[in-house]
Amino acid sequence: MTERLKIDSLKVYIDSQLVAKQVLGEYEVNEPNLVAYHKKVQEMWPKFIKVTIQQVPRKENRRADAFFEVGIR
């Protein structure tokens, strides 16, 4: 969808510190069912001019799930 909409930047809000650090390469992905997702993220990452990941407290999960910012080319 991001390619079709010509989105070139993302700001991702996530409540999982573990997943945020895995995406950033600070932690390894050890869960077998998450390896394919991680690989897809790593394939898509270079297609964007800018991607930022912000970890938010789990108690603010609704906001993290509902809010995202995009930049359009």
PDB file of N, CA and C in Angstrom:
ATOM      1  N   MET A   1       0.809  -1.182   0.000  1.00  0.00           N
ATOM      2  CA  MET A   1       0.000   0.000   0.000  1.00  0.00           C
ATOM      3  C   MET A   1       0.865   1.262   0.000  1.00  0.00           C
ATOM      4  N   THR A   2       1.969   1.229   0.725  1.00  0.00           N
ATOM      5  CA  THR A   2       2.831   2.410   0.789  1.00  0.00           C
ATOM      6  C   THR A   2       3.402   2.756  -0.580  1.00  0.00           C
ATOM      7  N   GLU A   3       3.702   1.751  -1.387  1.00  0.00           N
ATOM      8  CA  GLU A   3       4.212   2.020  -2.733  1.00  0.00           C
ATOM      9  C   GLU A   3       3.127   2.635  -3.601  1.00  0.00           C
ATOM     10  N   ARG A   4       1.933   2.079  -3.531  1.00  0.00           N
ATOM     11  CA  ARG A   4       0.821   2.574  -4.347  1.00  0.00           C
ATOM     12  C   ARG A   4       0.476   4.017  -3.986  1.00  0.00           C
ATOM     13  N   LEU A   5       0.569   4.365  -2.703  1.00  0.00           N
ATOM     14  CA  LEU A   5       0.261   5.721  -2.248  1.00  0.00           C
ATOM     15  C   LEU A   5       1.462   6.660  -2.336  1.00  0.00           C
ATOM     16  N   LYS A   6       2.601   6.125  -2.772  1.00  0.00           N
ATOM     17  CA  LYS A   6       3.842   6.902  -2.898  1.00  0.00           C
ATOM     18  C   LYS A   6       4.260   7.543  -1.578  1.00  0.00           C
ATOM     19  N   ILE A   7       4.149   6.765  -0.529  1.00  0.00           N
ATOM     20  CA  ILE A   7       4.565   7.226   0.796  1.00  0.00           C
ATOM     21  C   ILE A   7       6.074   7.062   0.900  1.00  0.00           C
ATOM     22  N   ASP A   8       6.749   8.125   1.306  1.00  0.00           N
ATOM     23  CA  ASP A   8       8.208   8.033   1.369  1.00  0.00           C
ATOM     24  C   ASP A   8       8.768   8.191   2.777  1.00  0.00           C
ATOM     25  N   SER A   9       7.899   8.455   3.752  1.00  0.00           N
ATOM     26  CA  SER A   9       8.389   8.500   5.131  1.00  0.00           C
ATOM     27  C   SER A   9       7.298   7.998   6.074  1.00  0.00           C
ATOM     28  N   LEU A  10       7.746   7.364   7.145  1.00  0.00           N
ATOM     29  CA  LEU A  10       6.832   6.818   8.139  1.00  0.00           C
ATOM     30  C   LEU A  10       7.311   7.189   9.530  1.00  0.00           C
ATOM     31  N   LYS A  11       6.367   7.417  10.408  1.00  0.00           N
ATOM     32  CA  LYS A  11       6.661   7.534  11.827  1.00  0.00           C
ATOM     33  C   LYS A  11       5.795   6.478  12.499  1.00  0.00           C
ATOM     34  N   VAL A  12       6.454   5.487  13.085  1.00  0.00           N
ATOM     35  CA  VAL A  12       5.769   4.333  13.641  1.00  0.00           C
ATOM     36  C   VAL A  12       5.760   4.446  15.158  1.00  0.00           C
ATOM     37  N   TYR A  13       4.592   4.302  15.753  1.00  0.00           N
ATOM     38  CA  TYR A  13       4.446   4.280  17.202  1.00  0.00           C
ATOM     39  C   TYR A  13       4.140   2.841  17.595  1.00  0.00           C
ATOM     40  N   ILE A  14       4.903   2.288  18.530  1.00  0.00           N
ATOM     41  CA  ILE A  14       4.744   0.897  18.917  1.00  0.00           C
ATOM     42  C   ILE A  14       4.909   0.776  20.424  1.00  0.00           C
ATOM     43  N   ASP A  15       4.105  -0.103  21.031  1.00  0.00           N
ATOM     44  CA  ASP A  15       4.205  -0.245  22.475  1.00  0.00           C
ATOM     45  C   ASP A  15       5.136  -1.370  22.897  1.00  0.00           C
ATOM     46  N   SER A  16       5.669  -2.105  21.949  1.00  0.00           N
ATOM     47  CA  SER A  16       6.569  -3.204  22.278  1.00  0.00           C
ATOM     48  C   SER A  16       8.024  -2.762  22.111  1.00  0.00           C
ATOM     49  N   GLN A  17       8.703  -2.608  23.223  1.00  0.00           N
ATOM     50  CA  GLN A  17      10.112  -2.231  23.167  1.00  0.00           C
ATOM     51  C   GLN A  17      10.921  -3.319  22.474  1.00  0.00           C
ATOM     52  N   LEU A  18      10.556  -4.570  22.706  1.00  0.00           N
ATOM     53  CA  LEU A  18      11.252  -5.692  22.081  1.00  0.00           C
ATOM     54  C   LEU A  18      11.171  -5.603  20.563  1.00  0.00           C
ATOM     55  N   VAL A  19       9.973  -5.421  20.026  1.00  0.00           N
ATOM     56  CA  VAL A  19       9.812  -5.354  18.569  1.00  0.00           C
ATOM     57  C   VAL A  19      10.522  -4.131  18.010  1.00  0.00           C
ATOM     58  N   ALA A  20      10.429  -3.002  18.692  1.00  0.00           N
ATOM     59  CA  ALA A  20      11.124  -1.795  18.235  1.00  0.00           C
ATOM     60  C   ALA A  20      12.621  -2.058  18.124  1.00  0.00           C
ATOM     61  N   LYS A  21      13.199  -2.680  19.128  1.00  0.00           N
ATOM     62  CA  LYS A  21      14.642  -2.955  19.107  1.00  0.00           C
ATOM     63  C   LYS A  21      15.005  -4.024  18.078  1.00  0.00           C
ATOM     64  N   GLN A  22      14.101  -4.966  17.816  1.00  0.00           N
ATOM     65  CA  GLN A  22      14.349  -5.955  16.774  1.00  0.00           C
ATOM     66  C   GLN A  22      14.368  -5.292  15.405  1.00  0.00           C
ATOM     67  N   VAL A  23      13.419  -4.407  15.148  1.00  0.00           N
ATOM     68  CA  VAL A  23      13.363  -3.710  13.861  1.00  0.00           C
ATOM     69  C   VAL A  23      14.598  -2.838  13.671  1.00  0.00           C
ATOM     70  N   LEU A  24      15.057  -2.216  14.734  1.00  0.00           N
ATOM     71  CA  LEU A  24      16.233  -1.351  14.657  1.00  0.00           C
ATOM     72  C   LEU A  24      17.541  -2.133  14.619  1.00  0.00           C
ATOM     73  N   GLY A  25      17.453  -3.457  14.773  1.00  0.00           N
ATOM     74  CA  GLY A  25      18.649  -4.287  14.714  1.00  0.00           C
ATOM     75  C   GLY A  25      19.408  -4.387  16.019  1.00  0.00           C
ATOM     76  N   GLU A  26      18.829  -3.888  17.095  1.00  0.00           N
ATOM     77  CA  GLU A  26      19.497  -3.941  18.394  1.00  0.00           C
ATOM     78  C   GLU A  26      19.331  -5.305  19.052  1.00  0.00           C
ATOM     79  N   TYR A  27      18.255  -5.995  18.737  1.00  0.00           N
ATOM     80  CA  TYR A  27      17.993  -7.336  19.266  1.00  0.00           C
ATOM     81  C   TYR A  27      17.755  -8.285  18.103  1.00  0.00           C
ATOM     82  N   GLU A  28      18.060  -9.550  18.314  1.00  0.00           N
ATOM     83  CA  GLU A  28      17.780 -10.581  17.316  1.00  0.00           C
ATOM     84  C   GLU A  28      16.327 -11.024  17.424  1.00  0.00           C
ATOM     85  N   VAL A  29      15.792 -11.498  16.304  1.00  0.00           N
ATOM     86  CA  VAL A  29      14.445 -12.060  16.294  1.00  0.00           C
ATOM     87  C   VAL A  29      14.587 -13.558  16.515  1.00  0.00           C
ATOM     88  N   ASN A  30      14.079 -14.045  17.636  1.00  0.00           N
ATOM     89  CA  ASN A  30      14.206 -15.455  17.980  1.00  0.00           C
ATOM     90  C   ASN A  30      12.919 -16.244  17.808  1.00  0.00           C
ATOM     91  N   GLU A  31      11.787 -15.558  17.752  1.00  0.00           N
ATOM     92  CA  GLU A  31      10.504 -16.232  17.585  1.00  0.00           C
ATOM     93  C   GLU A  31      10.345 -16.659  16.128  1.00  0.00           C
ATOM     94  N   PRO A  32      10.238 -17.955  15.863  1.00  0.00           N
ATOM     95  CA  PRO A  32      10.138 -18.433  14.480  1.00  0.00           C
ATOM     96  C   PRO A  32       8.987 -17.805  13.688  1.00  0.00           C
ATOM     97  N   ASN A  33       7.855 -17.556  14.351  1.00  0.00           N
ATOM     98  CA  ASN A  33       6.724 -16.983  13.624  1.00  0.00           C
ATOM     99  C   ASN A  33       6.893 -15.493  13.319  1.00  0.00           C
ATOM    100  N   LEU A  34       7.907 -14.853  13.876  1.00  0.00           N
ATOM    101  CA  LEU A  34       8.157 -13.434  13.603  1.00  0.00           C
ATOM    102  C   LEU A  34       9.275 -13.208  12.589  1.00  0.00           C
ATOM    103  N   VAL A  35      10.024 -14.235  12.270  1.00  0.00           N
ATOM    104  CA  VAL A  35      11.165 -14.097  11.368  1.00  0.00           C
ATOM    105  C   VAL A  35      10.733 -13.587   9.994  1.00  0.00           C
ATOM    106  N   ALA A  36       9.646 -14.125   9.450  1.00  0.00           N
ATOM    107  CA  ALA A  36       9.178 -13.693   8.124  1.00  0.00           C
ATOM    108  C   ALA A  36       8.744 -12.233   8.142  1.00  0.00           C
ATOM    109  N   TYR A  37       8.073 -11.803   9.217  1.00  0.00           N
ATOM    110  CA  TYR A  37       7.665 -10.401   9.326  1.00  0.00           C
ATOM    111  C   TYR A  37       8.883  -9.488   9.395  1.00  0.00           C
ATOM    112  N   HIS A  38       9.860  -9.893  10.179  1.00  0.00           N
ATOM    113  CA  HIS A  38      11.076  -9.091  10.306  1.00  0.00           C
ATOM    114  C   HIS A  38      11.791  -8.981   8.965  1.00  0.00           C
ATOM    115  N   LYS A  39      11.855 -10.069   8.241  1.00  0.00           N
ATOM    116  CA  LYS A  39      12.499 -10.055   6.925  1.00  0.00           C
ATOM    117  C   LYS A  39      11.780  -9.084   5.979  1.00  0.00           C
ATOM    118  N   LYS A  40      10.460  -9.096   6.002  1.00  0.00           N
ATOM    119  CA  LYS A  40       9.685  -8.198   5.137  1.00  0.00           C
ATOM    120  C   LYS A  40       9.949  -6.735   5.497  1.00  0.00           C
ATOM    121  N   VAL A  41      10.007  -6.438   6.793  1.00  0.00           N
ATOM    122  CA  VAL A  41      10.304  -5.070   7.227  1.00  0.00           C
ATOM    123  C   VAL A  41      11.680  -4.645   6.720  1.00  0.00           C
ATOM    124  N   GLN A  42      12.664  -5.526   6.837  1.00  0.00           N
ATOM    125  CA  GLN A  42      14.011  -5.201   6.386  1.00  0.00           C
ATOM    126  C   GLN A  42      14.077  -5.011   4.871  1.00  0.00           C
ATOM    127  N   GLU A  43      13.239  -5.725   4.124  1.00  0.00           N
ATOM    128  CA  GLU A  43      13.182  -5.539   2.668  1.00  0.00           C
ATOM    129  C   GLU A  43      12.540  -4.205   2.304  1.00  0.00           C
ATOM    130  N   MET A  44      11.548  -3.790   3.067  1.00  0.00           N
ATOM    131  CA  MET A  44      10.825  -2.554   2.769  1.00  0.00           C
ATOM    132  C   MET A  44      11.556  -1.302   3.238  1.00  0.00           C
ATOM    133  N   TRP A  45      12.331  -1.422   4.305  1.00  0.00           N
ATOM    134  CA  TRP A  45      12.989  -0.274   4.943  1.00  0.00           C
ATOM    135  C   TRP A  45      13.707   0.650   3.952  1.00  0.00           C
ATOM    136  N   PRO A  46      14.535   0.125   3.025  1.00  0.00           N
ATOM    137  CA  PRO A  46      15.282   1.007   2.119  1.00  0.00           C
ATOM    138  C   PRO A  46      14.413   1.771   1.108  1.00  0.00           C
ATOM    139  N   LYS A  47      13.157   1.398   0.973  1.00  0.00           N
ATOM    140  CA  LYS A  47      12.275   2.073   0.021  1.00  0.00           C
ATOM    141  C   LYS A  47      11.794   3.425   0.532  1.00  0.00           C
ATOM    142  N   PHE A  48      12.029   3.711   1.804  1.00  0.00           N
ATOM    143  CA  PHE A  48      11.587   4.958   2.404  1.00  0.00           C
ATOM    144  C   PHE A  48      12.757   5.906   2.593  1.00  0.00           C
ATOM    145  N   ILE A  49      12.485   7.177   2.438  1.00  0.00           N
ATOM    146  CA  ILE A  49      13.496   8.201   2.688  1.00  0.00           C
ATOM    147  C   ILE A  49      13.768   8.289   4.187  1.00  0.00           C
ATOM    148  N   LYS A  50      12.697   8.191   4.986  1.00  0.00           N
ATOM    149  CA  LYS A  50      12.847   8.324   6.434  1.00  0.00           C
ATOM    150  C   LYS A  50      11.836   7.419   7.130  1.00  0.00           C
ATOM    151  N   VAL A  51      12.324   6.677   8.108  1.00  0.00           N
ATOM    152  CA  VAL A  51      11.469   5.868   8.977  1.00  0.00           C
ATOM    153  C   VAL A  51      11.935   6.083  10.401  1.00  0.00           C
ATOM    154  N   THR A  52      11.009   6.448  11.267  1.00  0.00           N
ATOM    155  CA  THR A  52      11.338   6.558  12.680  1.00  0.00           C
ATOM    156  C   THR A  52      10.395   5.650  13.466  1.00  0.00           C
ATOM    157  N   ILE A  53      10.928   5.083  14.515  1.00  0.00           N
ATOM    158  CA  ILE A  53      10.153   4.215  15.382  1.00  0.00           C
ATOM    159  C   ILE A  53      10.192   4.808  16.768  1.00  0.00           C
ATOM    160  N   GLN A  54       9.008   5.010  17.331  1.00  0.00           N
ATOM    161  CA  GLN A  54       8.935   5.550  18.685  1.00  0.00           C
ATOM    162  C   GLN A  54       8.188   4.560  19.561  1.00  0.00           C
ATOM    163  N   GLN A  55       8.861   4.102  20.609  1.00  0.00           N
ATOM    164  CA  GLN A  55       8.234   3.198  21.558  1.00  0.00           C
ATOM    165  C   GLN A  55       7.436   4.034  22.537  1.00  0.00           C
ATOM    166  N   VAL A  56       6.170   3.651  22.746  1.00  0.00           N
ATOM    167  CA  VAL A  56       5.306   4.348  23.689  1.00  0.00           C
ATOM    168  C   VAL A  56       4.919   3.381  24.809  1.00  0.00           C
ATOM    169  N   PRO A  57       4.589   3.895  25.981  1.00  0.00           N
ATOM    170  CA  PRO A  57       4.189   3.004  27.078  1.00  0.00           C
ATOM    171  C   PRO A  57       2.960   2.176  26.704  1.00  0.00           C
ATOM    172  N   ARG A  58       2.927   0.953  27.170  1.00  0.00           N
ATOM    173  CA  ARG A  58       1.823   0.049  26.861  1.00  0.00           C
ATOM    174  C   ARG A  58       0.476   0.644  27.279  1.00  0.00           C
ATOM    175  N   LYS A  59       0.439   1.430  28.335  1.00  0.00           N
ATOM    176  CA  LYS A  59      -0.821   2.026  28.787  1.00  0.00           C
ATOM    177  C   LYS A  59      -1.382   3.015  27.763  1.00  0.00           C
ATOM    178  N   GLU A  60      -0.533   3.474  26.853  1.00  0.00           N
ATOM    179  CA  GLU A  60      -0.981   4.372  25.788  1.00  0.00           C
ATOM    180  C   GLU A  60      -1.187   3.610  24.480  1.00  0.00           C
ATOM    181  N   ASN A  61      -1.440   2.323  24.578  1.00  0.00           N
ATOM    182  CA  ASN A  61      -1.539   1.449  23.419  1.00  0.00           C
ATOM    183  C   ASN A  61      -2.594   1.899  22.413  1.00  0.00           C
ATOM    184  N   ARG A  62      -3.746   2.357  22.862  1.00  0.00           N
ATOM    185  CA  ARG A  62      -4.791   2.793  21.927  1.00  0.00           C
ATOM    186  C   ARG A  62      -4.266   3.859  20.986  1.00  0.00           C
ATOM    187  N   ARG A  63      -3.570   4.808  21.535  1.00  0.00           N
ATOM    188  CA  ARG A  63      -3.019   5.868  20.699  1.00  0.00           C
ATOM    189  C   ARG A  63      -1.977   5.308  19.738  1.00  0.00           C
ATOM    190  N   ALA A  64      -1.143   4.404  20.212  1.00  0.00           N
ATOM    191  CA  ALA A  64      -0.119   3.804  19.354  1.00  0.00           C
ATOM    192  C   ALA A  64      -0.770   3.018  18.225  1.00  0.00           C
ATOM    193  N   ASP A  65      -1.845   2.311  18.510  1.00  0.00           N
ATOM    194  CA  ASP A  65      -2.521   1.522  17.489  1.00  0.00           C
ATOM    195  C   ASP A  65      -3.270   2.385  16.480  1.00  0.00           C
ATOM    196  N   ALA A  66      -3.731   3.543  16.903  1.00  0.00           N
ATOM    197  CA  ALA A  66      -4.603   4.336  16.053  1.00  0.00           C
ATOM    198  C   ALA A  66      -3.904   5.453  15.291  1.00  0.00           C
ATOM    199  N   PHE A  67      -2.696   5.829  15.697  1.00  0.00           N
ATOM    200  CA  PHE A  67      -2.080   7.022  15.150  1.00  0.00           C
ATOM    201  C   PHE A  67      -0.814   6.708  14.367  1.00  0.00           C
ATOM    202  N   PHE A  68      -0.716   7.285  13.199  1.00  0.00           N
ATOM    203  CA  PHE A  68       0.520   7.189  12.430  1.00  0.00           C
ATOM    204  C   PHE A  68       0.610   8.417  11.549  1.00  0.00           C
ATOM    205  N   GLU A  69       1.804   8.763  11.198  1.00  0.00           N
ATOM    206  CA  GLU A  69       2.046   9.892  10.311  1.00  0.00           C
ATOM    207  C   GLU A  69       2.708   9.364   9.047  1.00  0.00           C
ATOM    208  N   VAL A  70       2.333   9.919   7.924  1.00  0.00           N
ATOM    209  CA  VAL A  70       2.952   9.531   6.673  1.00  0.00           C
ATOM    210  C   VAL A  70       3.392  10.767   5.920  1.00  0.00           C
ATOM    211  N   GLY A  71       4.425  10.611   5.133  1.00  0.00           N
ATOM    212  CA  GLY A  71       4.850  11.658   4.228  1.00  0.00           C
ATOM    213  C   GLY A  71       4.591  11.184   2.823  1.00  0.00           C
ATOM    214  N   ILE A  72       4.059  12.033   1.968  1.00  0.00           N
ATOM    215  CA  ILE A  72       3.724  11.642   0.599  1.00  0.00           C
ATOM    216  C   ILE A  72       4.657  12.362  -0.362  1.00  0.00           C
ATOM    217  N   ARG A  73       5.195  11.603  -1.320  1.00  0.00           N
ATOM    218  CA  ARG A  73       6.118  12.171  -2.309  1.00  0.00           C
ATOM    219  C   ARG A  73       5.413  13.196  -3.162  1.00  0.00           C
TER     220      ARG A  73
END
